[in-house]
Amino acid sequence: MFDVRSKVSQAILQLLLTLMVIPFVVPLYTMIAGSFKGQGWGNYKAVVSVKMFPYFFRNSAFIAICTIALVYATTMMAAYGFSKLRIPKREVFFWMMMACLTLPEVVLLAPLFKMAAGAGLYNTFWAVIIPISALQVPFTVLLTRTYVDGIPDELFEAARIDGAGTIRMFWNVLIPLTKPMAVAVVVLVLINAWNSYLLPLIFLMDPSYQVVTLLPQYFQGQYNDDQTKVMAGAVLTALPEIIAYISLQRFFERGMAAGALK
């Protein structure tokens, strides 16, 4: 057993954690330092001065909020069904869903494009929201089901004896007890939805529908490539999710730890 009470063990652990953090800190530092080269704060002023800048943040926020709501509702119902309800062949359906984790986003672009065009959703937010949500659900269900498995069945049996039906047990028993997991799901989905680049690039052709991850294209072209403003745009793009993560960090870590351990 590794004893962290001794000074040697603490020093080794501190060194190990430092080495693990470096690969993440160096790119972040490079991005922030690069954003101030040349014109300094003028790079940020140039990014904010882009005509569509407010619309980019509004569109990204709308996509993120809708995706979070859709994934949260779907995840909680699926986890409830897979964990606490007696559904025929539920394990078969569960592992069919888990198989979707092996599908990379790029492989699905052609069929998604055909489906969006056929359904009349091309160049609408829903052409991005629905695929992002579908790609997030398998992983969030995997975490949440493990968390729900840890809730004693006796609580649901007691609610059933008191006359509660399936829906009422879902609202009055499951939802209140899964708040830490709900925060973890919200943070995970927010990060993925906010950082989505490929799907908005393909499905949102109208400039008024574009999102913050497409902001750098305004400073890159055939005859110009202003990397300082690209990095300034990247910093501004990352700020909302960094603030959200720091604000919800305590609940996020608790939910992730509970969802990873049965």
C-alpha atoms as a PDB file:
ATOM      1  CA  MET A   1       0.000   0.000   0.000  1.00  0.00           C
ATOM      2  CA  PHE A   2       1.404   3.404  -0.994  1.00  0.00           C
ATOM      3  CA  ASP A   3       1.723   5.489   2.193  1.00  0.00           C
ATOM      4  CA  VAL A   4       1.430   9.207   1.394  1.00  0.00           C
ATOM      5  CA  ARG A   5       2.063  10.266   4.983  1.00  0.00           C
ATOM      6  CA  SER A   6       5.847  10.102   4.657  1.00  0.00           C
ATOM      7  CA  LYS A   7       7.716  13.051   3.139  1.00  0.00           C
ATOM      8  CA  VAL A   8       9.390  10.873   0.511  1.00  0.00           C
ATOM      9  CA  SER A   9       6.072   9.493  -0.663  1.00  0.00           C
ATOM     10  CA  GLN A  10       4.566  12.979  -0.777  1.00  0.00           C
ATOM     11  CA  ALA A  11       7.513  14.250  -2.818  1.00  0.00           C
ATOM     12  CA  ILE A  12       7.215  11.347  -5.282  1.00  0.00           C
ATOM     13  CA  LEU A  13       3.470  11.872  -5.593  1.00  0.00           C
ATOM     14  CA  GLN A  14       3.938  15.629  -6.114  1.00  0.00           C
ATOM     15  CA  LEU A  15       6.540  14.983  -8.831  1.00  0.00           C
ATOM     16  CA  LEU A  16       4.262  12.461 -10.535  1.00  0.00           C
ATOM     17  CA  LEU A  17       1.289  14.839 -10.506  1.00  0.00           C
ATOM     18  CA  THR A  18       3.461  17.670 -11.832  1.00  0.00           C
ATOM     19  CA  LEU A  19       4.664  15.542 -14.742  1.00  0.00           C
ATOM     20  CA  MET A  20       1.071  14.543 -15.523  1.00  0.00           C
ATOM     21  CA  VAL A  21      -0.106  18.178 -15.553  1.00  0.00           C
ATOM     22  CA  ILE A  22       2.693  19.542 -17.789  1.00  0.00           C
ATOM     23  CA  PRO A  23       1.291  18.182 -21.115  1.00  0.00           C
ATOM     24  CA  PHE A  24      -1.962  20.065 -20.421  1.00  0.00           C
ATOM     25  CA  VAL A  25      -0.490  23.281 -19.029  1.00  0.00           C
ATOM     26  CA  VAL A  26       2.103  23.893 -21.761  1.00  0.00           C
ATOM     27  CA  PRO A  27      -0.402  24.150 -24.670  1.00  0.00           C
ATOM     28  CA  LEU A  28      -2.657  26.356 -22.541  1.00  0.00           C
ATOM     29  CA  TYR A  29       0.225  28.668 -21.677  1.00  0.00           C
ATOM     30  CA  THR A  30       1.344  28.759 -25.320  1.00  0.00           C
ATOM     31  CA  MET A  31      -2.163  29.712 -26.424  1.00  0.00           C
ATOM     32  CA  ILE A  32      -2.510  32.521 -23.871  1.00  0.00           C
ATOM     33  CA  ALA A  33       1.023  33.853 -24.452  1.00  0.00           C
ATOM     34  CA  GLY A  34       0.574  33.713 -28.234  1.00  0.00           C
ATOM     35  CA  SER A  35      -2.683  35.652 -28.022  1.00  0.00           C
ATOM     36  CA  PHE A  36      -0.802  38.674 -26.626  1.00  0.00           C
ATOM     37  CA  LYS A  37       1.958  38.761 -29.232  1.00  0.00           C
ATOM     38  CA  GLY A  38       1.988  41.618 -31.708  1.00  0.00           C
ATOM     39  CA  GLN A  39      -0.872  43.937 -30.794  1.00  0.00           C
ATOM     40  CA  GLY A  40      -1.416  42.624 -27.257  1.00  0.00           C
ATOM     41  CA  TRP A  41      -4.932  43.372 -26.096  1.00  0.00           C
ATOM     42  CA  GLY A  42      -5.584  44.659 -29.600  1.00  0.00           C
ATOM     43  CA  ASN A  43      -5.850  41.021 -30.729  1.00  0.00           C
ATOM     44  CA  TYR A  44      -8.806  40.511 -28.395  1.00  0.00           C
ATOM     45  CA  LYS A  45     -10.338  43.790 -29.514  1.00  0.00           C
ATOM     46  CA  ALA A  46     -10.096  42.643 -33.123  1.00  0.00           C
ATOM     47  CA  VAL A  47     -11.810  39.336 -32.270  1.00  0.00           C
ATOM     48  CA  VAL A  48     -14.613  41.033 -30.345  1.00  0.00           C
ATOM     49  CA  SER A  49     -15.032  43.508 -33.207  1.00  0.00           C
ATOM     50  CA  VAL A  50     -16.011  40.746 -35.636  1.00  0.00           C
ATOM     51  CA  LYS A  51     -19.552  41.568 -36.722  1.00  0.00           C
ATOM     52  CA  MET A  52     -20.961  38.114 -35.958  1.00  0.00           C
ATOM     53  CA  PHE A  53     -19.115  37.643 -32.647  1.00  0.00           C
ATOM     54  CA  PRO A  54     -22.190  38.033 -30.353  1.00  0.00           C
ATOM     55  CA  TYR A  55     -24.221  35.704 -32.570  1.00  0.00           C
ATOM     56  CA  PHE A  56     -21.517  33.022 -32.384  1.00  0.00           C
ATOM     57  CA  PHE A  57     -21.756  32.923 -28.591  1.00  0.00           C
ATOM     58  CA  ARG A  58     -25.555  33.037 -28.682  1.00  0.00           C
ATOM     59  CA  ASN A  59     -25.689  30.126 -31.141  1.00  0.00           C
ATOM     60  CA  SER A  60     -23.182  28.044 -29.184  1.00  0.00           C
ATOM     61  CA  ALA A  61     -25.095  28.684 -25.959  1.00  0.00           C
ATOM     62  CA  PHE A  62     -28.384  27.660 -27.588  1.00  0.00           C
ATOM     63  CA  ILE A  63     -26.883  24.455 -28.998  1.00  0.00           C
ATOM     64  CA  ALA A  64     -25.232  23.618 -25.665  1.00  0.00           C
ATOM     65  CA  ILE A  65     -28.391  24.223 -23.612  1.00  0.00           C
ATOM     66  CA  CYS A  66     -30.608  22.172 -25.935  1.00  0.00           C
ATOM     67  CA  THR A  67     -28.037  19.372 -26.074  1.00  0.00           C
ATOM     68  CA  ILE A  68     -27.703  19.306 -22.279  1.00  0.00           C
ATOM     69  CA  ALA A  69     -31.478  19.137 -21.814  1.00  0.00           C
ATOM     70  CA  LEU A  70     -31.887  16.382 -24.395  1.00  0.00           C
ATOM     71  CA  VAL A  71     -28.957  14.295 -23.142  1.00  0.00           C
ATOM     72  CA  TYR A  72     -29.928  14.705 -19.484  1.00  0.00           C
ATOM     73  CA  ALA A  73     -33.537  13.615 -20.035  1.00  0.00           C
ATOM     74  CA  THR A  74     -32.537  10.689 -22.250  1.00  0.00           C
ATOM     75  CA  THR A  75     -29.706   9.586 -19.965  1.00  0.00           C
ATOM     76  CA  MET A  76     -31.754   9.565 -16.776  1.00  0.00           C
ATOM     77  CA  MET A  77     -34.639   7.638 -18.345  1.00  0.00           C
ATOM     78  CA  ALA A  78     -32.278   5.124 -19.965  1.00  0.00           C
ATOM     79  CA  ALA A  79     -30.257   4.624 -16.772  1.00  0.00           C
ATOM     80  CA  TYR A  80     -33.473   4.128 -14.803  1.00  0.00           C
ATOM     81  CA  GLY A  81     -34.729   1.571 -17.269  1.00  0.00           C
ATOM     82  CA  PHE A  82     -31.461  -0.335 -17.570  1.00  0.00           C
ATOM     83  CA  SER A  83     -30.829  -0.386 -13.817  1.00  0.00           C
ATOM     84  CA  LYS A  84     -34.176  -0.634 -12.002  1.00  0.00           C
ATOM     85  CA  LEU A  85     -36.858  -1.771 -14.436  1.00  0.00           C
ATOM     86  CA  ARG A  86     -37.443  -5.342 -15.516  1.00  0.00           C
ATOM     87  CA  ILE A  87     -37.185  -4.978 -19.271  1.00  0.00           C
ATOM     88  CA  PRO A  88     -36.849  -8.100 -21.463  1.00  0.00           C
ATOM     89  CA  LYS A  89     -33.342  -8.401 -22.905  1.00  0.00           C
ATOM     90  CA  ARG A  90     -32.298  -5.104 -21.362  1.00  0.00           C
ATOM     91  CA  GLU A  91     -28.638  -6.179 -21.296  1.00  0.00           C
ATOM     92  CA  VAL A  92     -28.747  -6.814 -25.048  1.00  0.00           C
ATOM     93  CA  PHE A  93     -30.073  -3.311 -25.662  1.00  0.00           C
ATOM     94  CA  PHE A  94     -27.547  -1.856 -23.233  1.00  0.00           C
ATOM     95  CA  TRP A  95     -24.559  -3.382 -24.972  1.00  0.00           C
ATOM     96  CA  MET A  96     -25.948  -2.429 -28.367  1.00  0.00           C
ATOM     97  CA  MET A  97     -25.902   1.152 -27.096  1.00  0.00           C
ATOM     98  CA  MET A  98     -22.373   0.726 -25.749  1.00  0.00           C
ATOM     99  CA  ALA A  99     -21.263  -0.446 -29.195  1.00  0.00           C
ATOM    100  CA  CYS A 100     -22.021   3.074 -30.407  1.00  0.00           C
ATOM    101  CA  LEU A 101     -19.058   4.298 -28.361  1.00  0.00           C
ATOM    102  CA  THR A 102     -16.774   2.740 -30.970  1.00  0.00           C
ATOM    103  CA  LEU A 103     -18.173   4.886 -33.801  1.00  0.00           C
ATOM    104  CA  PRO A 104     -16.095   8.010 -34.510  1.00  0.00           C
ATOM    105  CA  GLU A 105     -17.929  11.165 -35.494  1.00  0.00           C
ATOM    106  CA  VAL A 106     -16.270  11.412 -38.910  1.00  0.00           C
ATOM    107  CA  VAL A 107     -17.574   7.985 -39.982  1.00  0.00           C
ATOM    108  CA  LEU A 108     -21.168   9.160 -39.469  1.00  0.00           C
ATOM    109  CA  LEU A 109     -20.915  12.390 -41.471  1.00  0.00           C
ATOM    110  CA  ALA A 110     -22.200  11.014 -44.787  1.00  0.00           C
ATOM    111  CA  PRO A 111     -25.320   9.273 -43.380  1.00  0.00           C
ATOM    112  CA  LEU A 112     -26.019  12.192 -41.039  1.00  0.00           C
ATOM    113  CA  PHE A 113     -25.810  14.638 -43.943  1.00  0.00           C
ATOM    114  CA  LYS A 114     -28.225  12.537 -45.998  1.00  0.00           C
ATOM    115  CA  MET A 115     -30.665  12.218 -43.084  1.00  0.00           C
ATOM    116  CA  ALA A 116     -30.521  15.946 -42.263  1.00  0.00           C
ATOM    117  CA  ALA A 117     -31.129  16.905 -45.880  1.00  0.00           C
ATOM    118  CA  GLY A 118     -33.970  14.407 -46.225  1.00  0.00           C
ATOM    119  CA  ALA A 119     -35.649  15.613 -43.027  1.00  0.00           C
ATOM    120  CA  GLY A 120     -35.325  19.272 -43.976  1.00  0.00           C
ATOM    121  CA  LEU A 121     -33.016  19.996 -41.031  1.00  0.00           C
ATOM    122  CA  TYR A 122     -29.958  21.060 -43.022  1.00  0.00           C
ATOM    123  CA  ASN A 123     -28.721  24.528 -42.052  1.00  0.00           C
ATOM    124  CA  THR A 124     -30.708  24.434 -38.807  1.00  0.00           C
ATOM    125  CA  PHE A 125     -29.498  24.082 -35.230  1.00  0.00           C
ATOM    126  CA  TRP A 126     -31.254  20.725 -34.880  1.00  0.00           C
ATOM    127  CA  ALA A 127     -28.968  19.226 -37.525  1.00  0.00           C
ATOM    128  CA  VAL A 128     -26.177  19.748 -34.973  1.00  0.00           C
ATOM    129  CA  ILE A 129     -28.038  19.283 -31.680  1.00  0.00           C
ATOM    130  CA  ILE A 130     -29.494  15.846 -32.443  1.00  0.00           C
ATOM    131  CA  PRO A 131     -26.236  14.180 -33.630  1.00  0.00           C
ATOM    132  CA  ILE A 132     -24.191  15.675 -30.772  1.00  0.00           C
ATOM    133  CA  SER A 133     -26.774  14.438 -28.277  1.00  0.00           C
ATOM    134  CA  ALA A 134     -26.856  10.971 -29.817  1.00  0.00           C
ATOM    135  CA  LEU A 135     -23.062  10.719 -29.665  1.00  0.00           C
ATOM    136  CA  GLN A 136     -23.006  11.734 -25.977  1.00  0.00           C
ATOM    137  CA  VAL A 137     -25.789   9.488 -24.683  1.00  0.00           C
ATOM    138  CA  PRO A 138     -23.960   6.101 -24.661  1.00  0.00           C
ATOM    139  CA  PHE A 139     -21.147   7.343 -22.428  1.00  0.00           C
ATOM    140  CA  THR A 140     -23.404   9.307 -20.081  1.00  0.00           C
ATOM    141  CA  VAL A 141     -25.734   6.304 -19.773  1.00  0.00           C
ATOM    142  CA  LEU A 142     -22.765   4.076 -18.939  1.00  0.00           C
ATOM    143  CA  LEU A 143     -21.722   6.382 -16.080  1.00  0.00           C
ATOM    144  CA  THR A 144     -25.226   7.072 -14.830  1.00  0.00           C
ATOM    145  CA  ARG A 145     -26.340   3.444 -14.853  1.00  0.00           C
ATOM    146  CA  THR A 146     -23.394   2.533 -12.637  1.00  0.00           C
ATOM    147  CA  TYR A 147     -24.397   5.345 -10.278  1.00  0.00           C
ATOM    148  CA  VAL A 148     -28.070   4.266 -10.235  1.00  0.00           C
ATOM    149  CA  ASP A 149     -27.026   0.660  -9.572  1.00  0.00           C
ATOM    150  CA  GLY A 150     -25.646   1.908  -6.259  1.00  0.00           C
ATOM    151  CA  ILE A 151     -29.032   3.236  -5.136  1.00  0.00           C
ATOM    152  CA  PRO A 152     -30.648   0.553  -2.907  1.00  0.00           C
ATOM    153  CA  ASP A 153     -33.570  -1.268  -4.503  1.00  0.00           C
ATOM    154  CA  GLU A 154     -35.333  -1.075  -1.153  1.00  0.00           C
ATOM    155  CA  LEU A 155     -36.017   2.639  -1.731  1.00  0.00           C
ATOM    156  CA  PHE A 156     -37.917   1.876  -4.920  1.00  0.00           C
ATOM    157  CA  GLU A 157     -39.708  -1.055  -3.317  1.00  0.00           C
ATOM    158  CA  ALA A 158     -40.804   1.163  -0.417  1.00  0.00           C
ATOM    159  CA  ALA A 159     -42.073   3.771  -2.872  1.00  0.00           C
ATOM    160  CA  ARG A 160     -43.942   1.082  -4.784  1.00  0.00           C
ATOM    161  CA  ILE A 161     -45.578  -0.181  -1.562  1.00  0.00           C
ATOM    162  CA  ASP A 162     -46.706   3.394  -0.835  1.00  0.00           C
ATOM    163  CA  GLY A 163     -48.494   3.399  -4.173  1.00  0.00           C
ATOM    164  CA  ALA A 164     -45.931   5.131  -6.384  1.00  0.00           C
ATOM    165  CA  GLY A 165     -45.871   4.071 -10.017  1.00  0.00           C
ATOM    166  CA  THR A 166     -42.912   3.889 -12.374  1.00  0.00           C
ATOM    167  CA  ILE A 167     -43.074   7.556 -13.374  1.00  0.00           C
ATOM    168  CA  ARG A 168     -43.513   8.821  -9.833  1.00  0.00           C
ATOM    169  CA  MET A 169     -40.545   6.748  -8.610  1.00  0.00           C
ATOM    170  CA  PHE A 170     -38.513   8.271 -11.407  1.00  0.00           C
ATOM    171  CA  TRP A 171     -39.376  11.844 -10.391  1.00  0.00           C
ATOM    172  CA  ASN A 172     -39.518  11.481  -6.601  1.00  0.00           C
ATOM    173  CA  VAL A 173     -36.808   8.899  -5.941  1.00  0.00           C
ATOM    174  CA  LEU A 174     -34.334   8.719  -8.810  1.00  0.00           C
ATOM    175  CA  ILE A 175     -34.017  12.384  -9.834  1.00  0.00           C
ATOM    176  CA  PRO A 176     -33.335  13.777  -6.299  1.00  0.00           C
ATOM    177  CA  LEU A 177     -30.739  11.064  -5.613  1.00  0.00           C
ATOM    178  CA  THR A 178     -28.816  11.584  -8.858  1.00  0.00           C
ATOM    179  CA  LYS A 179     -27.992  15.291  -8.517  1.00  0.00           C
ATOM    180  CA  PRO A 180     -24.179  14.761  -8.363  1.00  0.00           C
ATOM    181  CA  MET A 181     -24.367  12.594 -11.475  1.00  0.00           C
ATOM    182  CA  ALA A 182     -26.584  15.179 -13.154  1.00  0.00           C
ATOM    183  CA  VAL A 183     -23.903  17.845 -12.655  1.00  0.00           C
ATOM    184  CA  ALA A 184     -21.268  15.527 -14.125  1.00  0.00           C
ATOM    185  CA  VAL A 185     -23.479  14.920 -17.159  1.00  0.00           C
ATOM    186  CA  VAL A 186     -24.114  18.659 -17.591  1.00  0.00           C
ATOM    187  CA  VAL A 187     -20.407  19.530 -17.479  1.00  0.00           C
ATOM    188  CA  LEU A 188     -19.377  16.722 -19.838  1.00  0.00           C
ATOM    189  CA  VAL A 189     -22.067  17.563 -22.379  1.00  0.00           C
ATOM    190  CA  LEU A 190     -21.393  21.292 -22.113  1.00  0.00           C
ATOM    191  CA  ILE A 191     -17.712  20.795 -22.941  1.00  0.00           C
ATOM    192  CA  ASN A 192     -18.432  18.528 -25.905  1.00  0.00           C
ATOM    193  CA  ALA A 193     -21.282  20.620 -27.283  1.00  0.00           C
ATOM    194  CA  TRP A 194     -19.413  23.908 -26.875  1.00  0.00           C
ATOM    195  CA  ASN A 195     -16.250  22.508 -28.492  1.00  0.00           C
ATOM    196  CA  SER A 196     -18.053  20.874 -31.413  1.00  0.00           C
ATOM    197  CA  TYR A 197     -16.413  21.929 -34.673  1.00  0.00           C
ATOM    198  CA  LEU A 198     -16.948  19.381 -37.425  1.00  0.00           C
ATOM    199  CA  LEU A 199     -20.742  19.129 -37.302  1.00  0.00           C
ATOM    200  CA  PRO A 200     -21.385  22.915 -37.240  1.00  0.00           C
ATOM    201  CA  LEU A 201     -18.840  23.366 -40.031  1.00  0.00           C
ATOM    202  CA  ILE A 202     -20.745  20.962 -42.286  1.00  0.00           C
ATOM    203  CA  PHE A 203     -24.379  21.511 -41.310  1.00  0.00           C
ATOM    204  CA  LEU A 204     -24.477  25.276 -40.590  1.00  0.00           C
ATOM    205  CA  MET A 205     -23.721  27.161 -43.788  1.00  0.00           C
ATOM    206  CA  ASP A 206     -25.568  30.372 -42.942  1.00  0.00           C
ATOM    207  CA  PRO A 207     -23.107  32.774 -41.186  1.00  0.00           C
ATOM    208  CA  SER A 208     -25.830  33.818 -38.727  1.00  0.00           C
ATOM    209  CA  TYR A 209     -26.040  30.192 -37.502  1.00  0.00           C
ATOM    210  CA  GLN A 210     -22.328  29.576 -37.004  1.00  0.00           C
ATOM    211  CA  VAL A 211     -20.722  28.967 -33.605  1.00  0.00           C
ATOM    212  CA  VAL A 212     -17.687  30.116 -31.631  1.00  0.00           C
ATOM    213  CA  THR A 213     -15.467  27.234 -32.762  1.00  0.00           C
ATOM    214  CA  LEU A 214     -15.727  28.601 -36.315  1.00  0.00           C
ATOM    215  CA  LEU A 215     -14.489  32.038 -35.237  1.00  0.00           C
ATOM    216  CA  PRO A 216     -10.817  31.429 -36.228  1.00  0.00           C
ATOM    217  CA  GLN A 217     -11.786  31.105 -39.895  1.00  0.00           C
ATOM    218  CA  TYR A 218     -12.295  34.894 -39.963  1.00  0.00           C
ATOM    219  CA  PHE A 219      -8.554  35.325 -39.428  1.00  0.00           C
ATOM    220  CA  GLN A 220      -7.408  32.546 -41.739  1.00  0.00           C
ATOM    221  CA  GLY A 221      -7.635  32.491 -45.485  1.00  0.00           C
ATOM    222  CA  GLN A 222      -5.742  32.094 -48.711  1.00  0.00           C
ATOM    223  CA  TYR A 223      -3.723  35.274 -48.218  1.00  0.00           C
ATOM    224  CA  ASN A 224      -3.735  35.795 -44.456  1.00  0.00           C
ATOM    225  CA  ASP A 225      -3.155  33.673 -41.388  1.00  0.00           C
ATOM    226  CA  ASP A 226      -3.092  35.799 -38.236  1.00  0.00           C
ATOM    227  CA  GLN A 227      -2.298  33.224 -35.565  1.00  0.00           C
ATOM    228  CA  THR A 228      -2.251  35.798 -32.748  1.00  0.00           C
ATOM    229  CA  LYS A 229      -5.927  36.609 -33.322  1.00  0.00           C
ATOM    230  CA  VAL A 230      -6.732  32.927 -33.798  1.00  0.00           C
ATOM    231  CA  MET A 231      -5.273  32.237 -30.348  1.00  0.00           C
ATOM    232  CA  ALA A 232      -7.120  35.216 -28.861  1.00  0.00           C
ATOM    233  CA  GLY A 233     -10.335  33.798 -30.293  1.00  0.00           C
ATOM    234  CA  ALA A 234      -9.482  30.397 -28.817  1.00  0.00           C
ATOM    235  CA  VAL A 235      -8.991  31.939 -25.366  1.00  0.00           C
ATOM    236  CA  LEU A 236     -12.338  33.735 -25.526  1.00  0.00           C
ATOM    237  CA  THR A 237     -14.014  30.574 -26.771  1.00  0.00           C
ATOM    238  CA  ALA A 238     -12.646  28.523 -23.865  1.00  0.00           C
ATOM    239  CA  LEU A 239     -13.576  30.986 -21.106  1.00  0.00           C
ATOM    240  CA  PRO A 240     -17.274  30.024 -20.627  1.00  0.00           C
ATOM    241  CA  GLU A 241     -16.590  26.313 -20.224  1.00  0.00           C
ATOM    242  CA  ILE A 242     -13.609  26.954 -17.933  1.00  0.00           C
ATOM    243  CA  ILE A 243     -15.774  29.156 -15.697  1.00  0.00           C
ATOM    244  CA  ALA A 244     -18.556  26.558 -15.724  1.00  0.00           C
ATOM    245  CA  TYR A 245     -16.158  23.741 -14.820  1.00  0.00           C
ATOM    246  CA  ILE A 246     -14.531  25.683 -11.968  1.00  0.00           C
ATOM    247  CA  SER A 247     -17.956  26.615 -10.591  1.00  0.00           C
ATOM    248  CA  LEU A 248     -19.203  23.017 -10.678  1.00  0.00           C
ATOM    249  CA  GLN A 249     -15.898  21.230 -10.059  1.00  0.00           C
ATOM    250  CA  ARG A 250     -16.798  19.857  -6.626  1.00  0.00           C
ATOM    251  CA  PHE A 251     -20.075  18.331  -7.815  1.00  0.00           C
ATOM    252  CA  PHE A 252     -18.532  17.153 -11.087  1.00  0.00           C
ATOM    253  CA  GLU A 253     -15.752  15.218  -9.374  1.00  0.00           C
ATOM    254  CA  ARG A 254     -18.211  13.655  -6.917  1.00  0.00           C
ATOM    255  CA  GLY A 255     -20.495  12.549  -9.736  1.00  0.00           C
ATOM    256  CA  MET A 256     -17.672  11.177 -11.877  1.00  0.00           C
ATOM    257  CA  ALA A 257     -16.204   9.252  -8.938  1.00  0.00           C
ATOM    258  CA  ALA A 258     -19.599   7.797  -8.036  1.00  0.00           C
ATOM    259  CA  GLY A 259     -20.358   6.940 -11.648  1.00  0.00           C
ATOM    260  CA  ALA A 260     -17.039   5.212 -12.184  1.00  0.00           C
ATOM    261  CA  LEU A 261     -17.278   3.008  -9.090  1.00  0.00           C
ATOM    262  CA  LYS A 262     -20.085   0.572  -8.395  1.00  0.00           C
END
